[in-house]
């Protein structure tokens, strides 16, 4: 089945907000085996939305819209779509009552507009906001309307739209996926290693996807039940793990830092961070994970040489002879923060994140990551393309810290 996404909102065209709804929905549709061929963005303008709908009708089996379901005068998505498909709007009494209960004294007459829905539609109840969504079939298309705010759109897609779509595309079967998370090997290299497998697979299928600083392989199967689908998936997942080796850091996990926090807590180990070029990003990503207080002792952001020396104990001659950006400094930073905090593991980052500050000897992207633990002192030097941005260098450096902990501590 072919799907087109239409995002409604002048603020999207002005660049005031990013269209994260489209990314989230596209990922969800791909898991269902629904092809997304077009993304369209239109402003809060009925004529332009009508024109976009006419084009979408001609090339899509499913149209999903986001935004424009609110109570204000520029929220015209429902009215415009209903008119484009020849449907009248009616006041849904149940949704009207839900609005009154949810808003109480804040309820104003224009809010009742949100309970106006196309005749014959399936109501998609919104438990995360005030504007309900809806779905209907007309003129050869399934049309689904979802609210725009991501905090509402994401659960509405997952818990309301997805079940509706599953009924359309699975013919009584279920589609399930597992995600193999990879760090240290790019998408093209992963595809090259797995091309022999992907070319022969039909059910399940396997496909690599590039992510920020890493990649993943999605293995998807269709079967009569969830158990049968996972039974088809599991041998393929194990074969891929065997081919790719230790660049695979987890299955169905959210991030490297999640793997590290879980692994350290399970082993009763603690870690401390000494950061220069990452400016506290390693500590931030660790503490984003619930439960990290059980393994994270704390950190030092040692941007200046004085802090490196006076707080972390980096020797003055080390800085003088090798510089702040060096393997030697990274090693002393990791040892220093471990000693300072009493943590089982000390990790460090130092480097030139750019865009300025580089030199012929140490160009932008020169980074060192250190780790110190009982019986272990090691420094690695991640490689970056000359086009890597400051953000990419910092984020990838932090990921290298987590990967180093994973490989040197958790897997040994």
Foldseek 3Di string as FASTA:
>chain_A
DEEEEEEEAVCCVVVVDDQVLVVLVCVVVVLLVYHYDYYHYDYLDLVVVLVVVVVCLVPGQEYEYEALLFLDPSSCVQVSVCVSQVWAWDQDVVLLVVLCVVCPPNDDPSRSSLRTHTPPWAWQDFPQDNRIKTWDDGSNHIYTYFYHDPSGSNVSCVPGVVVVVSVVRQVQKDKDKKKFWFADDAQVRLCVLCVVPQVPDDAFHWHKDDDQRTIIIMTMGIDNDPVVSVVSRVVVVVVSCVRVDPRGQDMRDDALLQSLQVLCLVVQFAEEEEEALLQCVLVVVNVVDPPSVSHYQYYHHPNDPCCLCPQQNQDPVCCVVANCLDQSSQQSSQVSRCVNRVGQKGKYKDAALDPDDADPVGGHQFMKMWMDHVVDTDIDTDGDDPPDHSVSSSVNNSRVNSSCCCVVPSVD
